[in-house]
Amino acid sequence: MATASVKNSFVPDLEAATERARETNDRLTEVGRKVTTAYLDGIEKYAQSFADFERKLGKQSNVEAVAGMLDTHAQLTEEVVKAGVSAARELITA
């Protein structure tokens, strides 16, 4: 009888261990989502500042073709980044 109680004290509680692992996984997933969201916000801000810089350069240019090219490239940059970031945001919320 004494051996049975000693033997049972060494058997781990698998349900409790599974629940702790699940909770830890959930916390890590949430932290990962927050970090990824912050990263995507940073990418958006960087792309926007880059596009703003291109537009500013275009306005200062005396050549209409160069100004148009810079404005078009700025718009393309914004749209590509917007699409990529939007797709990434959908993936992290899934």
Protein backbone atom coordinates (compact mmCIF):
# COMPACT_ATOMS: atom_id res chain seq x y z
CA MET A 1 0.00 0.00 0.00
CA ALA A 2 2.78 2.45 0.89
CA THR A 3 4.45 1.75 -2.43
CA ALA A 4 1.26 2.61 -4.34
CA SER A 5 1.02 6.05 -2.75
CA VAL A 6 4.72 6.73 -3.37
CA LYS A 7 4.36 5.53 -6.95
CA ASN A 8 1.36 7.83 -7.58
CA SER A 9 3.24 10.88 -6.30
CA PHE A 10 5.75 10.51 -9.13
CA VAL A 11 3.13 10.29 -11.88
CA PRO A 12 2.64 13.75 -13.43
CA ASP A 13 -0.79 15.23 -13.78
CA LEU A 14 -1.03 15.13 -17.57
CA GLU A 15 -4.24 17.13 -17.74
CA ALA A 16 -2.75 19.99 -15.74
CA ALA A 17 0.46 19.89 -17.77
CA THR A 18 -1.54 19.95 -21.00
CA GLU A 19 -3.60 22.91 -19.80
CA ARG A 20 -0.45 24.84 -18.78
CA ALA A 21 1.10 24.11 -22.17
CA ARG A 22 -2.07 25.30 -23.92
CA GLU A 23 -2.17 28.52 -21.87
CA THR A 24 1.51 29.17 -22.59
CA ASN A 25 0.93 28.57 -26.29
CA ASP A 26 -2.01 30.99 -26.29
CA ARG A 27 0.07 33.68 -24.57
CA LEU A 28 2.95 33.21 -27.02
CA THR A 29 0.56 33.38 -29.96
CA GLU A 30 -0.94 36.63 -28.68
CA VAL A 31 2.51 38.16 -28.10
CA GLY A 32 3.51 37.09 -31.61
CA ARG A 33 0.45 38.80 -33.06
CA LYS A 34 1.19 42.01 -31.17
CA VAL A 35 4.82 42.04 -32.31
CA THR A 36 3.83 41.32 -35.90
CA THR A 37 1.20 44.07 -35.82
CA ALA A 38 3.77 46.56 -34.54
CA TYR A 39 6.20 45.46 -37.25
CA LEU A 40 3.56 45.90 -39.96
CA ASP A 41 2.70 49.35 -38.58
CA GLY A 42 6.37 50.25 -38.88
CA ILE A 43 6.52 49.04 -42.48
CA GLU A 44 3.47 51.14 -43.34
CA LYS A 45 4.96 54.25 -41.74
CA TYR A 46 8.30 53.73 -43.49
CA ALA A 47 6.66 53.23 -46.89
CA GLN A 48 4.49 56.30 -46.38
CA SER A 49 7.46 58.48 -45.47
CA PHE A 50 9.36 57.13 -48.49
CA ALA A 51 6.42 57.92 -50.79
CA ASP A 52 6.08 61.39 -49.26
CA PHE A 53 9.79 61.98 -49.90
CA GLU A 54 9.40 60.90 -53.53
CA ARG A 55 6.46 63.25 -54.01
CA LYS A 56 8.40 66.11 -52.43
CA LEU A 57 11.31 65.42 -54.77
CA GLY A 58 8.93 65.34 -57.72
CA LYS A 59 7.46 68.72 -56.79
CA GLN A 60 10.95 70.21 -56.60
CA SER A 61 11.90 68.82 -60.00
CA ASN A 62 11.85 71.17 -62.94
CA VAL A 63 11.23 68.30 -65.35
CA GLU A 64 7.58 67.30 -65.65
CA ALA A 65 8.40 63.73 -66.72
CA VAL A 66 10.58 63.19 -63.66
CA ALA A 67 7.92 64.64 -61.39
CA GLY A 68 5.29 62.37 -62.92
CA MET A 69 7.53 59.32 -62.64
CA LEU A 70 8.28 59.99 -58.97
CA ASP A 71 4.63 60.56 -58.16
CA THR A 72 3.63 57.36 -59.97
CA HIS A 73 6.34 55.39 -58.19
CA ALA A 74 5.23 56.78 -54.83
CA GLN A 75 1.65 55.74 -55.57
CA LEU A 76 2.81 52.26 -56.66
CA THR A 77 4.89 51.88 -53.51
CA GLU A 78 1.92 52.80 -51.33
CA GLU A 79 -0.42 50.39 -53.10
CA VAL A 80 2.00 47.45 -53.04
CA VAL A 81 2.81 47.94 -49.36
CA LYS A 82 -0.87 48.40 -48.53
CA ALA A 83 -1.76 45.13 -50.28
CA GLY A 84 1.09 43.21 -48.66
CA VAL A 85 0.41 44.52 -45.19
CA SER A 86 -3.30 43.89 -45.56
CA ALA A 87 -2.66 40.27 -46.55
CA ALA A 88 -0.26 39.81 -43.64
CA ARG A 89 -2.78 41.27 -41.21
CA GLU A 90 -5.41 38.81 -42.43
CA LEU A 91 -2.98 35.94 -41.87
CA ILE A 92 -2.17 36.90 -38.30
CA THR A 93 -5.81 37.29 -37.36
CA ALA A 94 -6.72 33.85 -38.73
